[in-house]
Amino acid sequence: MGKGYFLSLKSIYNLLCSKLIKPVRGTWQSTAAGLIHELMEAGDERRLLRVREQLASQHLLIIDRLGFVPLSETGAELLFETIS
């Protein structure tokens, strides 16, 4: 699974929006590992709040492979705090 899976999810989202509701801009997509890596880097560089604000401004977050990633305690906390 790779980018094709993400494109499929985004295509389904766009199709639903075009048929059911007015299209919404602001879709963000990543794997769980990619999101955790980005959050950890942002924390190290003291820009975690800014990254979380950018994610909060999106209308749809697509987080793939969430159940397949062994999470460190820090990574799990960052992910939970971000999506909750």
Protein backbone atom coordinates (compact mmCIF):
# COMPACT_ATOMS: atom_id res chain seq x y z
CA MET A 1 0.00 0.00 0.00
CA GLY A 2 1.26 3.39 -0.85
CA LYS A 3 0.14 6.61 -2.42
CA GLY A 4 -2.57 4.83 -4.40
CA TYR A 5 -4.42 4.09 -1.18
CA PHE A 6 -4.25 7.75 -0.13
CA LEU A 7 -5.44 8.88 -3.54
CA SER A 8 -8.35 6.46 -3.31
CA LEU A 9 -9.42 7.84 0.08
CA LYS A 10 -9.15 11.40 -1.13
CA SER A 11 -11.06 10.55 -4.31
CA ILE A 12 -13.88 9.00 -2.28
CA TYR A 13 -13.96 12.06 -0.02
CA ASN A 14 -14.09 14.42 -3.00
CA LEU A 15 -16.83 12.37 -4.64
CA LEU A 16 -18.94 12.42 -1.49
CA CYS A 17 -18.47 16.14 -1.10
CA SER A 18 -19.42 16.84 -4.69
CA LYS A 19 -22.58 14.73 -4.44
CA LEU A 20 -23.73 15.35 -0.88
CA ILE A 21 -22.34 18.62 0.41
CA LYS A 22 -20.47 21.64 -0.77
CA PRO A 23 -16.81 20.67 -1.27
CA VAL A 24 -14.63 21.36 1.74
CA ARG A 25 -11.07 22.48 1.34
CA GLY A 26 -8.37 21.40 3.73
CA THR A 27 -7.56 17.72 3.65
CA TRP A 28 -4.39 16.44 5.28
CA GLN A 29 -3.14 12.90 4.89
CA SER A 30 -0.25 10.86 6.25
CA THR A 31 0.60 7.53 7.76
CA ALA A 32 0.50 7.26 11.54
CA ALA A 33 4.27 6.81 11.58
CA GLY A 34 4.73 9.92 9.43
CA LEU A 35 2.48 12.00 11.67
CA ILE A 36 4.24 10.85 14.83
CA HIS A 37 7.64 11.53 13.26
CA GLU A 38 6.52 15.03 12.28
CA LEU A 39 5.11 15.71 15.77
CA MET A 40 8.31 14.51 17.45
CA GLU A 41 10.47 16.65 15.16
CA ALA A 42 8.20 19.63 15.81
CA GLY A 43 8.54 19.09 19.56
CA ASP A 44 12.32 18.98 19.27
CA GLU A 45 12.31 22.21 17.25
CA ARG A 46 9.82 23.98 19.54
CA ARG A 47 7.14 24.31 16.87
CA LEU A 48 4.71 21.66 18.10
CA LEU A 49 1.94 24.16 18.84
CA ARG A 50 2.16 25.56 15.31
CA VAL A 51 1.95 22.08 13.74
CA ARG A 52 -1.04 21.20 15.91
CA GLU A 53 -2.78 24.43 14.91
CA GLN A 54 -2.19 23.63 11.24
CA LEU A 55 -3.70 20.18 11.70
CA ALA A 56 -6.65 21.59 13.65
CA SER A 57 -7.43 23.96 10.78
CA GLN A 58 -7.96 21.05 8.38
CA HIS A 59 -11.47 19.76 7.73
CA LEU A 60 -10.36 16.17 7.21
CA LEU A 61 -7.38 14.26 8.57
CA ILE A 62 -6.63 10.92 6.92
CA ILE A 63 -4.28 8.90 9.12
CA ASP A 64 -3.36 5.60 7.51
CA ARG A 65 -1.83 2.48 9.09
CA LEU A 66 -2.76 3.53 12.63
CA GLY A 67 -3.15 -0.02 13.88
CA PHE A 68 0.09 -1.26 12.33
CA VAL A 69 2.56 1.04 14.05
CA PRO A 70 4.32 0.05 17.26
CA LEU A 71 4.20 3.32 19.17
CA SER A 72 6.67 4.56 21.72
CA GLU A 73 5.10 6.04 24.84
CA THR A 74 6.07 9.55 23.74
CA GLY A 75 4.77 8.99 20.21
CA ALA A 76 1.47 7.59 21.48
CA GLU A 77 0.99 10.57 23.81
CA LEU A 78 1.74 13.07 21.05
CA LEU A 79 -0.64 11.35 18.65
CA PHE A 80 -3.45 11.10 21.21
CA GLU A 81 -3.08 14.73 22.31
CA THR A 82 -3.09 15.88 18.70
CA ILE A 83 -6.16 14.02 17.49
CA SER A 84 -8.23 14.38 20.66
